[in-house]
Amino acid sequence: MTYRLSKLPAGIRDDEEGGTLVEFAVIAPVFFMLLMGIFDFGHTIYIRSVLNGAVQDAARDSALENAAVAGNTDVIDNKVRTAVQNLSKGIKDNDIKIERVSYFSFDDVNRPEAFTDSDGDSICNNNEVFEDENANGVWDADIGEDGLGGARDVVVYNLEVTYDRVFPLYRMLGRSQSVTLSSSTVLQNQPYAQQADQNAITPGNCT
């Protein structure tokens, strides 16, 4: 049975009590999701800042001569892990990936080995000749070598961490709570000795 508002008693028809509660019920979900989004964004900014600081400290420590002493690299990396894990108790050792890649100079960072692109497909294949600069027998898209390198070498220090977001916004939206952040820096090792000569470049053939 349908009633028209005009036929309701004036006292009931004009009563606005409870209207604010209804309006709040409509607005509240959007407001709280916006608030969680702001908090989540701020938390991500904070974690990224800590990661950048930890990477810079570790890279500077790694550039010193005593970093190559047995066990010192592990000490440096453990300091990084501790700084990251202090951000969230849910971050485990296997959630943190630390990588060092060394190069002879800054110009070599992320540089591929040169090769003769006979077929013009920008891929080293079909028995094309390449310059085996790191003497490992295969063509590499990055000529860097894992580890600290030596005196005067350039080292890229990479840190990657995967963790679950603190606020459940992404879960409420049906998306993954997991997020991966990374940070890296490039520093040159101190000149504590004469830099080792580069490997003699020998030709190889791409498969």
C-alpha atoms as a PDB file:
ATOM      1  CA  MET A   1       0.000   0.000   0.000  1.00  0.00           C
ATOM      2  CA  THR A   2       1.451   3.355  -1.070  1.00  0.00           C
ATOM      3  CA  TYR A   3       1.136   6.601   0.859  1.00  0.00           C
ATOM      4  CA  ARG A   4       1.752  10.062  -0.491  1.00  0.00           C
ATOM      5  CA  LEU A   5       3.897  12.378   1.645  1.00  0.00           C
ATOM      6  CA  SER A   6       1.293  15.101   1.311  1.00  0.00           C
ATOM      7  CA  LYS A   7      -1.240  12.920   3.162  1.00  0.00           C
ATOM      8  CA  LEU A   8       1.099  12.313   6.115  1.00  0.00           C
ATOM      9  CA  PRO A   9       0.570  14.372   9.262  1.00  0.00           C
ATOM     10  CA  ALA A  10       2.599  17.590   9.173  1.00  0.00           C
ATOM     11  CA  GLY A  11       4.567  16.603  12.269  1.00  0.00           C
ATOM     12  CA  ILE A  12       5.852  13.449  10.644  1.00  0.00           C
ATOM     13  CA  ARG A  13       6.258  14.893   7.148  1.00  0.00           C
ATOM     14  CA  ASP A  14       8.437  17.792   8.334  1.00  0.00           C
ATOM     15  CA  ASP A  15      10.498  15.824  10.883  1.00  0.00           C
ATOM     16  CA  GLU A  16      14.192  15.898   9.791  1.00  0.00           C
ATOM     17  CA  GLU A  17      15.638  14.136  12.832  1.00  0.00           C
ATOM     18  CA  GLY A  18      17.863  11.249  11.783  1.00  0.00           C
ATOM     19  CA  GLY A  19      18.652  12.790   8.402  1.00  0.00           C
ATOM     20  CA  THR A  20      22.252  13.395   9.401  1.00  0.00           C
ATOM     21  CA  LEU A  21      22.642   9.733  10.335  1.00  0.00           C
ATOM     22  CA  VAL A  22      21.414   8.634   6.908  1.00  0.00           C
ATOM     23  CA  GLU A  23      23.739  11.094   5.157  1.00  0.00           C
ATOM     24  CA  PHE A  24      26.678   9.883   7.235  1.00  0.00           C
ATOM     25  CA  ALA A  25      25.884   6.250   6.365  1.00  0.00           C
ATOM     26  CA  VAL A  26      26.085   7.173   2.673  1.00  0.00           C
ATOM     27  CA  ILE A  27      29.271   9.251   2.914  1.00  0.00           C
ATOM     28  CA  ALA A  28      31.197   7.255   5.558  1.00  0.00           C
ATOM     29  CA  PRO A  29      32.398   4.356   3.326  1.00  0.00           C
ATOM     30  CA  VAL A  30      33.819   6.720   0.731  1.00  0.00           C
ATOM     31  CA  PHE A  31      35.390   8.911   3.417  1.00  0.00           C
ATOM     32  CA  PHE A  32      37.067   6.012   5.220  1.00  0.00           C
ATOM     33  CA  MET A  33      38.372   4.517   1.956  1.00  0.00           C
ATOM     34  CA  LEU A  34      39.827   7.901   1.030  1.00  0.00           C
ATOM     35  CA  LEU A  35      41.377   8.174   4.494  1.00  0.00           C
ATOM     36  CA  MET A  36      42.939   4.699   4.249  1.00  0.00           C
ATOM     37  CA  GLY A  37      44.248   5.568   0.797  1.00  0.00           C
ATOM     38  CA  ILE A  38      45.986   8.653   2.183  1.00  0.00           C
ATOM     39  CA  PHE A  39      47.468   6.685   5.098  1.00  0.00           C
ATOM     40  CA  ASP A  40      48.613   3.885   2.777  1.00  0.00           C
ATOM     41  CA  PHE A  41      50.278   6.361   0.417  1.00  0.00           C
ATOM     42  CA  GLY A  42      52.061   8.038   3.345  1.00  0.00           C
ATOM     43  CA  HIS A  43      53.209   4.675   4.712  1.00  0.00           C
ATOM     44  CA  THR A  44      54.619   3.702   1.302  1.00  0.00           C
ATOM     45  CA  ILE A  45      56.490   7.010   1.071  1.00  0.00           C
ATOM     46  CA  TYR A  46      57.946   6.388   4.535  1.00  0.00           C
ATOM     47  CA  ILE A  47      59.098   2.846   3.694  1.00  0.00           C
ATOM     48  CA  ARG A  48      60.656   4.011   0.416  1.00  0.00           C
ATOM     49  CA  SER A  49      62.538   6.726   2.334  1.00  0.00           C
ATOM     50  CA  VAL A  50      63.899   4.162   4.803  1.00  0.00           C
ATOM     51  CA  LEU A  51      64.914   1.860   1.941  1.00  0.00           C
ATOM     52  CA  ASN A  52      66.772   4.659   0.181  1.00  0.00           C
ATOM     53  CA  GLY A  53      68.608   5.557   3.384  1.00  0.00           C
ATOM     54  CA  ALA A  54      69.537   1.942   4.086  1.00  0.00           C
ATOM     55  CA  VAL A  55      70.824   1.479   0.531  1.00  0.00           C
ATOM     56  CA  GLN A  56      72.939   4.629   0.657  1.00  0.00           C
ATOM     57  CA  ASP A  57      74.507   3.607   3.987  1.00  0.00           C
ATOM     58  CA  ALA A  58      75.197   0.060   2.808  1.00  0.00           C
ATOM     59  CA  ALA A  59      76.701   1.232  -0.472  1.00  0.00           C
ATOM     60  CA  ARG A  60      79.063   3.633   1.301  1.00  0.00           C
ATOM     61  CA  ASP A  61      80.155   0.906   3.709  1.00  0.00           C
ATOM     62  CA  SER A  62      80.646  -1.521   0.812  1.00  0.00           C
ATOM     63  CA  ALA A  63      82.905   0.935  -1.011  1.00  0.00           C
ATOM     64  CA  LEU A  64      85.514   0.770   1.780  1.00  0.00           C
ATOM     65  CA  GLU A  65      88.528  -1.521   1.608  1.00  0.00           C
ATOM     66  CA  ASN A  66      87.565  -3.541   4.688  1.00  0.00           C
ATOM     67  CA  ALA A  67      84.202  -4.476   3.123  1.00  0.00           C
ATOM     68  CA  ALA A  68      85.950  -7.285   1.262  1.00  0.00           C
ATOM     69  CA  VAL A  69      87.201  -8.834   4.509  1.00  0.00           C
ATOM     70  CA  ALA A  70      85.476 -12.166   5.160  1.00  0.00           C
ATOM     71  CA  GLY A  71      82.135 -11.658   6.928  1.00  0.00           C
ATOM     72  CA  ASN A  72      82.010  -7.876   6.610  1.00  0.00           C
ATOM     73  CA  THR A  73      79.626  -7.988   3.652  1.00  0.00           C
ATOM     74  CA  ASP A  74      77.211 -10.103   5.704  1.00  0.00           C
ATOM     75  CA  VAL A  75      77.411  -7.575   8.540  1.00  0.00           C
ATOM     76  CA  ILE A  76      76.537  -4.745   6.147  1.00  0.00           C
ATOM     77  CA  ASP A  77      73.623  -6.673   4.632  1.00  0.00           C
ATOM     78  CA  ASN A  78      72.285  -7.667   8.046  1.00  0.00           C
ATOM     79  CA  LYS A  79      72.168  -4.000   9.036  1.00  0.00           C
ATOM     80  CA  VAL A  80      70.027  -3.374   5.981  1.00  0.00           C
ATOM     81  CA  ARG A  81      67.729  -6.291   6.793  1.00  0.00           C
ATOM     82  CA  THR A  82      67.303  -5.080  10.367  1.00  0.00           C
ATOM     83  CA  ALA A  83      66.408  -1.560   9.216  1.00  0.00           C
ATOM     84  CA  VAL A  84      63.825  -2.946   6.786  1.00  0.00           C
ATOM     85  CA  GLN A  85      62.335  -5.491   9.187  1.00  0.00           C
ATOM     86  CA  ASN A  86      61.877  -2.802  11.820  1.00  0.00           C
ATOM     87  CA  LEU A  87      59.262  -1.321   9.490  1.00  0.00           C
ATOM     88  CA  SER A  88      57.007  -4.365   9.770  1.00  0.00           C
ATOM     89  CA  LYS A  89      57.165  -7.561  11.807  1.00  0.00           C
ATOM     90  CA  GLY A  90      55.740  -9.410   8.807  1.00  0.00           C
ATOM     91  CA  ILE A  91      58.865  -8.868   6.680  1.00  0.00           C
ATOM     92  CA  LYS A  92      61.035 -12.003   6.673  1.00  0.00           C
ATOM     93  CA  ASP A  93      64.600 -12.508   5.444  1.00  0.00           C
ATOM     94  CA  ASN A  94      63.378 -14.135   2.225  1.00  0.00           C
ATOM     95  CA  ASP A  95      61.212 -11.059   1.519  1.00  0.00           C
ATOM     96  CA  ILE A  96      64.397  -8.998   1.152  1.00  0.00           C
ATOM     97  CA  LYS A  97      66.660  -9.318  -1.869  1.00  0.00           C
ATOM     98  CA  ILE A  98      70.097  -7.674  -1.890  1.00  0.00           C
ATOM     99  CA  GLU A  99      72.297  -7.611  -4.968  1.00  0.00           C
ATOM    100  CA  ARG A 100      75.679  -6.110  -5.833  1.00  0.00           C
ATOM    101  CA  VAL A 101      76.874  -5.854  -9.423  1.00  0.00           C
ATOM    102  CA  SER A 102      80.321  -4.469 -10.226  1.00  0.00           C
ATOM    103  CA  TYR A 103      81.613  -2.722 -13.351  1.00  0.00           C
ATOM    104  CA  PHE A 104      84.950  -1.347 -14.504  1.00  0.00           C
ATOM    105  CA  SER A 105      83.556   2.181 -14.973  1.00  0.00           C
ATOM    106  CA  PHE A 106      80.338   4.198 -14.797  1.00  0.00           C
ATOM    107  CA  ASP A 107      80.019   3.954 -18.579  1.00  0.00           C
ATOM    108  CA  ASP A 108      79.717   0.177 -18.272  1.00  0.00           C
ATOM    109  CA  VAL A 109      76.700   0.169 -15.933  1.00  0.00           C
ATOM    110  CA  ASN A 110      73.863  -1.896 -17.473  1.00  0.00           C
ATOM    111  CA  ARG A 111      75.716  -1.961 -20.800  1.00  0.00           C
ATOM    112  CA  PRO A 112      75.377  -5.045 -23.022  1.00  0.00           C
ATOM    113  CA  GLU A 113      78.308  -6.681 -24.759  1.00  0.00           C
ATOM    114  CA  ALA A 114      78.805  -5.389 -28.293  1.00  0.00           C
ATOM    115  CA  PHE A 115      77.842  -7.713 -31.126  1.00  0.00           C
ATOM    116  CA  THR A 116      77.537  -7.648 -34.908  1.00  0.00           C
ATOM    117  CA  ASP A 117      73.808  -7.468 -35.659  1.00  0.00           C
ATOM    118  CA  SER A 118      73.992  -9.051 -39.119  1.00  0.00           C
ATOM    119  CA  ASP A 119      70.245  -9.571 -39.544  1.00  0.00           C
ATOM    120  CA  GLY A 120      69.218  -6.248 -37.964  1.00  0.00           C
ATOM    121  CA  ASP A 121      66.830  -7.753 -35.403  1.00  0.00           C
ATOM    122  CA  SER A 122      68.630  -6.220 -32.377  1.00  0.00           C
ATOM    123  CA  ILE A 123      69.075  -9.720 -30.922  1.00  0.00           C
ATOM    124  CA  CYS A 124      72.374 -11.530 -30.575  1.00  0.00           C
ATOM    125  CA  ASN A 125      71.608 -14.815 -32.335  1.00  0.00           C
ATOM    126  CA  ASN A 126      72.184 -16.892 -35.474  1.00  0.00           C
ATOM    127  CA  ASN A 127      75.908 -17.309 -34.804  1.00  0.00           C
ATOM    128  CA  GLU A 128      76.536 -13.526 -34.819  1.00  0.00           C
ATOM    129  CA  VAL A 129      79.911 -12.446 -33.444  1.00  0.00           C
ATOM    130  CA  PHE A 130      80.054 -10.679 -30.065  1.00  0.00           C
ATOM    131  CA  GLU A 131      82.794  -9.283 -27.825  1.00  0.00           C
ATOM    132  CA  ASP A 132      83.098 -11.510 -24.757  1.00  0.00           C
ATOM    133  CA  GLU A 133      84.194  -8.769 -22.352  1.00  0.00           C
ATOM    134  CA  ASN A 134      83.645 -10.701 -19.136  1.00  0.00           C
ATOM    135  CA  ALA A 135      85.122 -13.923 -20.545  1.00  0.00           C
ATOM    136  CA  ASN A 136      82.236 -16.189 -19.576  1.00  0.00           C
ATOM    137  CA  GLY A 137      81.689 -17.639 -23.045  1.00  0.00           C
ATOM    138  CA  VAL A 138      78.173 -16.267 -23.614  1.00  0.00           C
ATOM    139  CA  TRP A 139      76.700 -12.937 -24.735  1.00  0.00           C
ATOM    140  CA  ASP A 140      75.397 -10.843 -21.830  1.00  0.00           C
ATOM    141  CA  ALA A 141      72.811  -8.068 -21.917  1.00  0.00           C
ATOM    142  CA  ASP A 142      74.598  -6.670 -18.851  1.00  0.00           C
ATOM    143  CA  ILE A 143      78.377  -7.010 -18.548  1.00  0.00           C
ATOM    144  CA  GLY A 144      78.333  -6.529 -14.776  1.00  0.00           C
ATOM    145  CA  GLU A 145      79.717  -9.176 -12.443  1.00  0.00           C
ATOM    146  CA  ASP A 146      78.117 -10.197  -9.157  1.00  0.00           C
ATOM    147  CA  GLY A 147      79.893  -9.003  -6.034  1.00  0.00           C
ATOM    148  CA  LEU A 148      81.865  -6.104  -4.616  1.00  0.00           C
ATOM    149  CA  GLY A 149      84.392  -5.841  -7.417  1.00  0.00           C
ATOM    150  CA  GLY A 150      87.771  -4.370  -6.525  1.00  0.00           C
ATOM    151  CA  ALA A 151      89.467  -1.041  -5.915  1.00  0.00           C
ATOM    152  CA  ARG A 152      88.091   1.803  -8.056  1.00  0.00           C
ATOM    153  CA  ASP A 153      85.401  -0.455  -9.542  1.00  0.00           C
ATOM    154  CA  VAL A 154      81.859   0.891  -9.830  1.00  0.00           C
ATOM    155  CA  VAL A 155      79.241  -1.070  -7.884  1.00  0.00           C
ATOM    156  CA  VAL A 156      75.453  -0.990  -8.209  1.00  0.00           C
ATOM    157  CA  TYR A 157      73.759  -1.877  -4.916  1.00  0.00           C
ATOM    158  CA  ASN A 158      70.160  -3.081  -5.332  1.00  0.00           C
ATOM    159  CA  LEU A 159      67.613  -3.679  -2.586  1.00  0.00           C
ATOM    160  CA  GLU A 160      64.127  -5.115  -3.103  1.00  0.00           C
ATOM    161  CA  VAL A 161      61.526  -5.834  -0.406  1.00  0.00           C
ATOM    162  CA  THR A 162      58.078  -7.402  -0.616  1.00  0.00           C
ATOM    163  CA  TYR A 163      55.569  -6.856   2.187  1.00  0.00           C
ATOM    164  CA  ASP A 164      51.834  -6.667   2.925  1.00  0.00           C
ATOM    165  CA  ARG A 165      50.228  -3.251   3.148  1.00  0.00           C
ATOM    166  CA  VAL A 166      49.213  -2.126   6.635  1.00  0.00           C
ATOM    167  CA  PHE A 167      45.797  -0.781   5.612  1.00  0.00           C
ATOM    168  CA  PRO A 168      43.205  -3.132   4.018  1.00  0.00           C
ATOM    169  CA  LEU A 169      42.192  -0.757   1.222  1.00  0.00           C
ATOM    170  CA  TYR A 170      43.481  -2.959  -1.595  1.00  0.00           C
ATOM    171  CA  ARG A 171      41.852  -6.065  -0.083  1.00  0.00           C
ATOM    172  CA  MET A 172      38.535  -4.197   0.049  1.00  0.00           C
ATOM    173  CA  LEU A 173      38.942  -3.361  -3.633  1.00  0.00           C
ATOM    174  CA  GLY A 174      39.665  -6.992  -4.470  1.00  0.00           C
ATOM    175  CA  ARG A 175      43.341  -6.413  -5.208  1.00  0.00           C
ATOM    176  CA  SER A 176      46.510  -7.902  -3.751  1.00  0.00           C
ATOM    177  CA  GLN A 177      47.733  -6.588  -0.417  1.00  0.00           C
ATOM    178  CA  SER A 178      51.317  -7.453  -1.379  1.00  0.00           C
ATOM    179  CA  VAL A 179      53.579  -4.689  -2.659  1.00  0.00           C
ATOM    180  CA  THR A 180      57.201  -4.742  -3.831  1.00  0.00           C
ATOM    181  CA  LEU A 181      59.464  -1.721  -3.478  1.00  0.00           C
ATOM    182  CA  SER A 182      63.026  -1.386  -4.687  1.00  0.00           C
ATOM    183  CA  SER A 183      65.885   1.025  -4.304  1.00  0.00           C
ATOM    184  CA  SER A 184      69.363   1.187  -5.812  1.00  0.00           C
ATOM    185  CA  THR A 185      72.432   3.373  -5.909  1.00  0.00           C
ATOM    186  CA  VAL A 186      75.759   3.457  -7.758  1.00  0.00           C
ATOM    187  CA  LEU A 187      79.054   4.204  -6.028  1.00  0.00           C
ATOM    188  CA  GLN A 188      82.716   3.804  -6.899  1.00  0.00           C
ATOM    189  CA  ASN A 189      84.940   1.809  -4.568  1.00  0.00           C
ATOM    190  CA  GLN A 190      87.672   3.751  -2.839  1.00  0.00           C
ATOM    191  CA  PRO A 191      91.124   3.782  -4.498  1.00  0.00           C
ATOM    192  CA  TYR A 192      92.694   1.571  -1.852  1.00  0.00           C
ATOM    193  CA  ALA A 193      94.731  -0.225  -4.550  1.00  0.00           C
ATOM    194  CA  GLN A 194      95.451  -0.187  -8.257  1.00  0.00           C
ATOM    195  CA  GLN A 195      92.380  -1.083 -10.267  1.00  0.00           C
ATOM    196  CA  ALA A 196      92.613  -4.483 -11.913  1.00  0.00           C
ATOM    197  CA  ASP A 197      92.955  -4.495 -15.676  1.00  0.00           C
ATOM    198  CA  GLN A 198      89.932  -5.357 -17.770  1.00  0.00           C
ATOM    199  CA  ASN A 199      89.703  -8.818 -19.269  1.00  0.00           C
ATOM    200  CA  ALA A 200      91.166  -9.170 -22.717  1.00  0.00           C
ATOM    201  CA  ILE A 201      88.258  -9.054 -25.147  1.00  0.00           C
ATOM    202  CA  THR A 202      87.852 -12.276 -27.094  1.00  0.00           C
ATOM    203  CA  PRO A 203      85.274 -12.913 -29.812  1.00  0.00           C
ATOM    204  CA  GLY A 204      82.412 -15.330 -29.396  1.00  0.00           C
ATOM    205  CA  ASN A 205      79.367 -16.453 -31.344  1.00  0.00           C
ATOM    206  CA  CYS A 206      75.757 -16.049 -30.282  1.00  0.00           C
ATOM    207  CA  THR A 207      73.567 -19.137 -30.332  1.00  0.00           C
END
